[in-house]
């Protein structure tokens, strides 16, 4: 399986690429900076220079042609500006989905966010804008004809993955290691029967393999 990843240099995207490679699959993605390409190449992961925002749909389609699935795990997340959040988190998935349709790539997995994420912290207006844009991206994706899956992880940590999650339609917001989100993405990609589903995932007690297999 060849998977085209937007956000391949990010915390979750890099881990997805690594786990795909370890499982014998092929991962490829776009990077904006040469140092990102070098770091990923050292892990045996192929990249190409490119910028989702700047590229046309036709150019994106050519970049992903031949892939079996696409994954969107990028995010400005309010780190730059609200405008950047809109372009990447809000408009990016729709643009990538249009390119996937043009390239004949049916499977599309969007790494989104728990609706309740960090609500207890009373986040600022930029974070609220991020949440609105994430929701917009989800609604645009579900209106496509692709075999999409939306995965909403809870608050992310850099702790080592436990290999166990709580995965399903509606879960309680807690925390989850980026390693476990990445492993869940790979598990879902390996299960093409799972399509047109919105799933939430957080840390739990069920092995990732069993959690994916339990989905009907």
C-alpha atoms as a PDB file:
ATOM      1  CA  UNK A   1       0.000   0.000   0.000  1.00  0.00           C
ATOM      2  CA  UNK A   2       1.272   3.441  -0.946  1.00  0.00           C
ATOM      3  CA  UNK A   3       0.047   6.320   1.210  1.00  0.00           C
ATOM      4  CA  UNK A   4       0.387  10.010   0.383  1.00  0.00           C
ATOM      5  CA  UNK A   5       0.601  12.101   3.558  1.00  0.00           C
ATOM      6  CA  UNK A   6       0.034  15.812   4.005  1.00  0.00           C
ATOM      7  CA  UNK A   7       1.740  16.755   7.262  1.00  0.00           C
ATOM      8  CA  UNK A   8       4.403  14.072   6.928  1.00  0.00           C
ATOM      9  CA  UNK A   9       6.945  16.194   8.821  1.00  0.00           C
ATOM     10  CA  UNK A  10       4.588  16.804  11.740  1.00  0.00           C
ATOM     11  CA  UNK A  11       4.333  14.986  15.040  1.00  0.00           C
ATOM     12  CA  UNK A  12       1.579  12.588  13.963  1.00  0.00           C
ATOM     13  CA  UNK A  13       2.344  12.495  10.237  1.00  0.00           C
ATOM     14  CA  UNK A  14       5.969  11.468  10.743  1.00  0.00           C
ATOM     15  CA  UNK A  15       4.908   8.674  13.057  1.00  0.00           C
ATOM     16  CA  UNK A  16       2.318   7.464  10.536  1.00  0.00           C
ATOM     17  CA  UNK A  17       5.006   7.343   7.841  1.00  0.00           C
ATOM     18  CA  UNK A  18       7.393   5.468  10.117  1.00  0.00           C
ATOM     19  CA  UNK A  19       4.792   2.881  11.093  1.00  0.00           C
ATOM     20  CA  UNK A  20       3.718   2.387   7.483  1.00  0.00           C
ATOM     21  CA  UNK A  21       7.346   1.856   6.478  1.00  0.00           C
ATOM     22  CA  UNK A  22       7.926  -0.585   9.340  1.00  0.00           C
ATOM     23  CA  UNK A  23       4.881  -2.567   8.173  1.00  0.00           C
ATOM     24  CA  UNK A  24       6.239  -2.849   4.637  1.00  0.00           C
ATOM     25  CA  UNK A  25       4.085  -0.140   3.099  1.00  0.00           C
ATOM     26  CA  UNK A  26       5.275   2.941   1.229  1.00  0.00           C
ATOM     27  CA  UNK A  27       4.816   6.444   2.614  1.00  0.00           C
ATOM     28  CA  UNK A  28       5.459   9.646   0.702  1.00  0.00           C
ATOM     29  CA  UNK A  29       4.574  13.252   1.389  1.00  0.00           C
ATOM     30  CA  UNK A  30       5.245  16.907   0.758  1.00  0.00           C
ATOM     31  CA  UNK A  31       7.722  18.996   2.747  1.00  0.00           C
ATOM     32  CA  UNK A  32       8.401  22.707   2.579  1.00  0.00           C
ATOM     33  CA  UNK A  33      11.953  22.760   3.933  1.00  0.00           C
ATOM     34  CA  UNK A  34      15.095  20.806   2.892  1.00  0.00           C
ATOM     35  CA  UNK A  35      15.932  19.924   6.501  1.00  0.00           C
ATOM     36  CA  UNK A  36      12.565  18.172   6.796  1.00  0.00           C
ATOM     37  CA  UNK A  37      13.360  16.096   3.711  1.00  0.00           C
ATOM     38  CA  UNK A  38      16.774  15.167   5.101  1.00  0.00           C
ATOM     39  CA  UNK A  39      15.370  14.129   8.485  1.00  0.00           C
ATOM     40  CA  UNK A  40      12.726  11.919   6.882  1.00  0.00           C
ATOM     41  CA  UNK A  41      15.156  10.452   4.349  1.00  0.00           C
ATOM     42  CA  UNK A  42      17.312   9.333   7.272  1.00  0.00           C
ATOM     43  CA  UNK A  43      14.322   7.248   8.361  1.00  0.00           C
ATOM     44  CA  UNK A  44      13.837   5.804   4.881  1.00  0.00           C
ATOM     45  CA  UNK A  45      10.812   7.970   4.094  1.00  0.00           C
ATOM     46  CA  UNK A  46      10.435   9.568   0.660  1.00  0.00           C
ATOM     47  CA  UNK A  47       9.334  13.168   0.261  1.00  0.00           C
ATOM     48  CA  UNK A  48       8.921  15.772  -2.443  1.00  0.00           C
ATOM     49  CA  UNK A  49       9.129  19.540  -2.159  1.00  0.00           C
ATOM     50  CA  UNK A  50       5.719  21.153  -2.093  1.00  0.00           C
ATOM     51  CA  UNK A  51       3.267  23.373  -0.259  1.00  0.00           C
ATOM     52  CA  UNK A  52      -0.389  22.384   0.022  1.00  0.00           C
ATOM     53  CA  UNK A  53      -1.534  25.998   0.130  1.00  0.00           C
ATOM     54  CA  UNK A  54       0.495  27.151  -2.866  1.00  0.00           C
ATOM     55  CA  UNK A  55      -0.025  24.114  -5.120  1.00  0.00           C
ATOM     56  CA  UNK A  56      -2.929  23.853  -7.537  1.00  0.00           C
ATOM     57  CA  UNK A  57      -5.338  20.935  -7.400  1.00  0.00           C
ATOM     58  CA  UNK A  58      -3.893  19.565 -10.645  1.00  0.00           C
ATOM     59  CA  UNK A  59      -0.330  19.666  -9.309  1.00  0.00           C
ATOM     60  CA  UNK A  60      -1.428  18.008  -6.071  1.00  0.00           C
ATOM     61  CA  UNK A  61      -3.198  15.303  -8.073  1.00  0.00           C
ATOM     62  CA  UNK A  62      -0.023  14.556  -9.999  1.00  0.00           C
ATOM     63  CA  UNK A  63       1.983  14.406  -6.764  1.00  0.00           C
ATOM     64  CA  UNK A  64      -0.297  11.735  -5.297  1.00  0.00           C
ATOM     65  CA  UNK A  65      -1.000   9.764  -8.461  1.00  0.00           C
ATOM     66  CA  UNK A  66      -0.450   6.057  -7.924  1.00  0.00           C
ATOM     67  CA  UNK A  67      -1.209   6.217  -4.196  1.00  0.00           C
ATOM     68  CA  UNK A  68      -3.729   3.858  -2.640  1.00  0.00           C
ATOM     69  CA  UNK A  69      -4.768   6.312   0.075  1.00  0.00           C
ATOM     70  CA  UNK A  70      -4.191   9.858   1.245  1.00  0.00           C
ATOM     71  CA  UNK A  71      -3.866  11.047   4.830  1.00  0.00           C
ATOM     72  CA  UNK A  72      -4.290  14.626   5.995  1.00  0.00           C
ATOM     73  CA  UNK A  73      -2.540  15.155   9.326  1.00  0.00           C
ATOM     74  CA  UNK A  74      -1.298  18.714   8.873  1.00  0.00           C
ATOM     75  CA  UNK A  75      -2.350  21.632  10.998  1.00  0.00           C
ATOM     76  CA  UNK A  76      -1.462  25.241  11.581  1.00  0.00           C
ATOM     77  CA  UNK A  77      -3.472  25.020  14.787  1.00  0.00           C
ATOM     78  CA  UNK A  78      -3.313  28.717  15.554  1.00  0.00           C
ATOM     79  CA  UNK A  79       0.492  28.638  15.780  1.00  0.00           C
ATOM     80  CA  UNK A  80       0.934  31.142  12.945  1.00  0.00           C
ATOM     81  CA  UNK A  81      -2.211  33.197  12.314  1.00  0.00           C
ATOM     82  CA  UNK A  82      -5.942  32.724  11.919  1.00  0.00           C
ATOM     83  CA  UNK A  83      -5.458  33.151   8.175  1.00  0.00           C
ATOM     84  CA  UNK A  84      -2.946  30.283   8.106  1.00  0.00           C
ATOM     85  CA  UNK A  85      -5.322  28.145  10.167  1.00  0.00           C
ATOM     86  CA  UNK A  86      -8.088  28.787   7.649  1.00  0.00           C
ATOM     87  CA  UNK A  87      -5.874  27.966   4.658  1.00  0.00           C
ATOM     88  CA  UNK A  88      -4.405  24.767   6.154  1.00  0.00           C
ATOM     89  CA  UNK A  89      -6.878  23.314   8.666  1.00  0.00           C
ATOM     90  CA  UNK A  90     -10.064  24.625   7.102  1.00  0.00           C
ATOM     91  CA  UNK A  91      -9.489  24.676   3.348  1.00  0.00           C
ATOM     92  CA  UNK A  92      -6.643  22.159   3.043  1.00  0.00           C
ATOM     93  CA  UNK A  93      -8.635  18.922   3.361  1.00  0.00           C
ATOM     94  CA  UNK A  94     -11.210  20.016   0.773  1.00  0.00           C
ATOM     95  CA  UNK A  95      -8.435  20.919  -1.655  1.00  0.00           C
ATOM     96  CA  UNK A  96      -6.666  17.616  -1.042  1.00  0.00           C
ATOM     97  CA  UNK A  97      -9.939  15.712  -1.480  1.00  0.00           C
ATOM     98  CA  UNK A  98     -10.517  17.402  -4.840  1.00  0.00           C
ATOM     99  CA  UNK A  99      -7.002  16.402  -5.901  1.00  0.00           C
ATOM    100  CA  UNK A 100      -7.591  12.830  -4.714  1.00  0.00           C
ATOM    101  CA  UNK A 101     -10.756  12.580  -6.798  1.00  0.00           C
ATOM    102  CA  UNK A 102      -8.866  13.897  -9.817  1.00  0.00           C
ATOM    103  CA  UNK A 103      -6.042  11.401  -9.250  1.00  0.00           C
ATOM    104  CA  UNK A 104      -8.427   8.466  -8.752  1.00  0.00           C
ATOM    105  CA  UNK A 105      -7.445   7.899  -5.114  1.00  0.00           C
ATOM    106  CA  UNK A 106     -10.541   6.733  -3.243  1.00  0.00           C
ATOM    107  CA  UNK A 107      -9.391   6.353   0.373  1.00  0.00           C
ATOM    108  CA  UNK A 108      -8.963   9.518   2.419  1.00  0.00           C
ATOM    109  CA  UNK A 109      -8.237   9.623   6.137  1.00  0.00           C
ATOM    110  CA  UNK A 110      -8.492  12.960   7.943  1.00  0.00           C
ATOM    111  CA  UNK A 111      -6.861  13.359  11.346  1.00  0.00           C
ATOM    112  CA  UNK A 112      -9.133  15.901  12.999  1.00  0.00           C
ATOM    113  CA  UNK A 113      -9.705  16.827  16.654  1.00  0.00           C
ATOM    114  CA  UNK A 114     -12.020  15.941  19.547  1.00  0.00           C
ATOM    115  CA  UNK A 115     -14.888  18.470  19.724  1.00  0.00           C
ATOM    116  CA  UNK A 116     -14.282  18.903  23.476  1.00  0.00           C
ATOM    117  CA  UNK A 117     -10.516  19.378  23.136  1.00  0.00           C
ATOM    118  CA  UNK A 118      -9.049  21.563  25.919  1.00  0.00           C
ATOM    119  CA  UNK A 119     -12.438  23.115  26.762  1.00  0.00           C
ATOM    120  CA  UNK A 120     -11.583  23.080  30.478  1.00  0.00           C
ATOM    121  CA  UNK A 121      -8.689  25.464  29.765  1.00  0.00           C
ATOM    122  CA  UNK A 122     -10.839  28.233  28.275  1.00  0.00           C
ATOM    123  CA  UNK A 123      -8.708  28.541  25.169  1.00  0.00           C
ATOM    124  CA  UNK A 124      -8.298  31.847  23.333  1.00  0.00           C
ATOM    125  CA  UNK A 125     -10.052  33.093  20.201  1.00  0.00           C
ATOM    126  CA  UNK A 126      -7.391  31.651  17.884  1.00  0.00           C
ATOM    127  CA  UNK A 127      -8.000  28.176  19.279  1.00  0.00           C
ATOM    128  CA  UNK A 128     -11.750  28.597  18.844  1.00  0.00           C
ATOM    129  CA  UNK A 129     -11.121  29.623  15.239  1.00  0.00           C
ATOM    130  CA  UNK A 130      -9.033  26.458  14.809  1.00  0.00           C
ATOM    131  CA  UNK A 131     -11.922  24.339  16.112  1.00  0.00           C
ATOM    132  CA  UNK A 132     -14.376  26.025  13.734  1.00  0.00           C
ATOM    133  CA  UNK A 133     -12.061  25.392  10.777  1.00  0.00           C
ATOM    134  CA  UNK A 134     -11.581  21.738  11.729  1.00  0.00           C
ATOM    135  CA  UNK A 135     -15.346  21.277  11.810  1.00  0.00           C
ATOM    136  CA  UNK A 136     -15.669  22.989   8.435  1.00  0.00           C
ATOM    137  CA  UNK A 137     -13.104  20.609   6.963  1.00  0.00           C
ATOM    138  CA  UNK A 138     -15.033  17.611   8.276  1.00  0.00           C
ATOM    139  CA  UNK A 139     -18.322  18.786   6.808  1.00  0.00           C
ATOM    140  CA  UNK A 140     -16.715  19.403   3.421  1.00  0.00           C
ATOM    141  CA  UNK A 141     -15.088  15.973   3.361  1.00  0.00           C
ATOM    142  CA  UNK A 142     -18.255  14.045   4.171  1.00  0.00           C
ATOM    143  CA  UNK A 143     -19.959  15.651   1.173  1.00  0.00           C
ATOM    144  CA  UNK A 144     -17.437  14.114  -1.239  1.00  0.00           C
ATOM    145  CA  UNK A 145     -17.812  10.743  -2.908  1.00  0.00           C
ATOM    146  CA  UNK A 146     -14.546   9.466  -1.435  1.00  0.00           C
ATOM    147  CA  UNK A 147     -14.168   6.523   0.938  1.00  0.00           C
ATOM    148  CA  UNK A 148     -13.316   8.852   3.805  1.00  0.00           C
ATOM    149  CA  UNK A 149     -12.617   8.227   7.457  1.00  0.00           C
ATOM    150  CA  UNK A 150     -12.425  11.052  10.000  1.00  0.00           C
ATOM    151  CA  UNK A 151     -10.407  10.248  13.111  1.00  0.00           C
ATOM    152  CA  UNK A 152     -10.757  12.623  16.058  1.00  0.00           C
ATOM    153  CA  UNK A 153      -7.988  12.102  18.625  1.00  0.00           C
ATOM    154  CA  UNK A 154      -8.150  13.554  22.119  1.00  0.00           C
ATOM    155  CA  UNK A 155      -5.379  15.772  23.537  1.00  0.00           C
ATOM    156  CA  UNK A 156      -2.028  14.626  22.149  1.00  0.00           C
ATOM    157  CA  UNK A 157       1.065  13.753  24.167  1.00  0.00           C
ATOM    158  CA  UNK A 158       4.615  12.763  23.225  1.00  0.00           C
ATOM    159  CA  UNK A 159       4.706   9.880  25.684  1.00  0.00           C
ATOM    160  CA  UNK A 160       5.619   6.445  24.286  1.00  0.00           C
ATOM    161  CA  UNK A 161       2.653   4.680  22.773  1.00  0.00           C
ATOM    162  CA  UNK A 162       0.882   2.112  24.909  1.00  0.00           C
ATOM    163  CA  UNK A 163      -0.602   0.250  21.948  1.00  0.00           C
ATOM    164  CA  UNK A 164      -4.034   0.445  23.606  1.00  0.00           C
ATOM    165  CA  UNK A 165      -6.864   2.839  22.845  1.00  0.00           C
ATOM    166  CA  UNK A 166     -10.555   3.535  23.256  1.00  0.00           C
ATOM    167  CA  UNK A 167     -11.911   3.835  19.702  1.00  0.00           C
ATOM    168  CA  UNK A 168     -15.475   4.384  18.593  1.00  0.00           C
ATOM    169  CA  UNK A 169     -18.220   6.773  17.626  1.00  0.00           C
ATOM    170  CA  UNK A 170     -18.261   8.906  20.811  1.00  0.00           C
ATOM    171  CA  UNK A 171     -15.658   8.837  23.565  1.00  0.00           C
ATOM    172  CA  UNK A 172     -14.733  10.822  26.665  1.00  0.00           C
ATOM    173  CA  UNK A 173     -11.994  13.376  26.034  1.00  0.00           C
ATOM    174  CA  UNK A 174      -8.769  12.453  27.838  1.00  0.00           C
ATOM    175  CA  UNK A 175      -5.277  12.148  26.322  1.00  0.00           C
ATOM    176  CA  UNK A 176      -3.561   9.910  23.790  1.00  0.00           C
ATOM    177  CA  UNK A 177       0.044   9.469  22.672  1.00  0.00           C
ATOM    178  CA  UNK A 178       0.857  10.560  19.138  1.00  0.00           C
ATOM    179  CA  UNK A 179       2.370   7.087  18.663  1.00  0.00           C
ATOM    180  CA  UNK A 180      -1.025   5.515  19.345  1.00  0.00           C
ATOM    181  CA  UNK A 181      -2.849   7.908  17.021  1.00  0.00           C
ATOM    182  CA  UNK A 182      -0.406   7.007  14.250  1.00  0.00           C
ATOM    183  CA  UNK A 183      -0.807   3.286  14.890  1.00  0.00           C
ATOM    184  CA  UNK A 184      -4.589   3.683  14.825  1.00  0.00           C
ATOM    185  CA  UNK A 185      -4.395   5.485  11.474  1.00  0.00           C
ATOM    186  CA  UNK A 186      -2.320   2.641  10.029  1.00  0.00           C
ATOM    187  CA  UNK A 187      -4.773   0.101  11.428  1.00  0.00           C
ATOM    188  CA  UNK A 188      -7.686   1.910   9.791  1.00  0.00           C
ATOM    189  CA  UNK A 189      -5.840   2.157   6.472  1.00  0.00           C
ATOM    190  CA  UNK A 190      -5.319  -1.602   6.628  1.00  0.00           C
ATOM    191  CA  UNK A 191      -9.095  -2.096   7.000  1.00  0.00           C
ATOM    192  CA  UNK A 192     -10.708  -0.840   3.755  1.00  0.00           C
ATOM    193  CA  UNK A 193     -14.111  -2.086   4.948  1.00  0.00           C
ATOM    194  CA  UNK A 194     -14.113   0.874   7.348  1.00  0.00           C
ATOM    195  CA  UNK A 195     -15.282   3.799   5.243  1.00  0.00           C
ATOM    196  CA  UNK A 196     -17.434   6.895   5.596  1.00  0.00           C
ATOM    197  CA  UNK A 197     -17.109   6.821   9.376  1.00  0.00           C
ATOM    198  CA  UNK A 198     -16.395   9.493  11.993  1.00  0.00           C
ATOM    199  CA  UNK A 199     -14.468   7.963  14.885  1.00  0.00           C
ATOM    200  CA  UNK A 200     -13.064   9.288  18.146  1.00  0.00           C
ATOM    201  CA  UNK A 201      -9.979   7.848  19.811  1.00  0.00           C
ATOM    202  CA  UNK A 202      -8.358   8.352  23.180  1.00  0.00           C
ATOM    203  CA  UNK A 203      -6.152   6.357  25.502  1.00  0.00           C
ATOM    204  CA  UNK A 204      -7.758   3.124  26.639  1.00  0.00           C
ATOM    205  CA  UNK A 205      -7.380  -0.555  27.465  1.00  0.00           C
ATOM    206  CA  UNK A 206      -8.073  -2.253  24.121  1.00  0.00           C
ATOM    207  CA  UNK A 207      -5.259  -3.166  21.768  1.00  0.00           C
ATOM    208  CA  UNK A 208      -5.311  -1.113  18.583  1.00  0.00           C
ATOM    209  CA  UNK A 209      -5.700  -4.240  16.459  1.00  0.00           C
ATOM    210  CA  UNK A 210      -8.714  -5.411  18.492  1.00  0.00           C
ATOM    211  CA  UNK A 211     -10.215  -1.920  18.555  1.00  0.00           C
ATOM    212  CA  UNK A 212     -10.105  -1.675  14.758  1.00  0.00           C
ATOM    213  CA  UNK A 213     -11.384  -5.226  14.287  1.00  0.00           C
ATOM    214  CA  UNK A 214     -14.339  -4.483  16.589  1.00  0.00           C
ATOM    215  CA  UNK A 215     -15.623  -1.735  14.291  1.00  0.00           C
ATOM    216  CA  UNK A 216     -18.555  -2.891  12.189  1.00  0.00           C
END
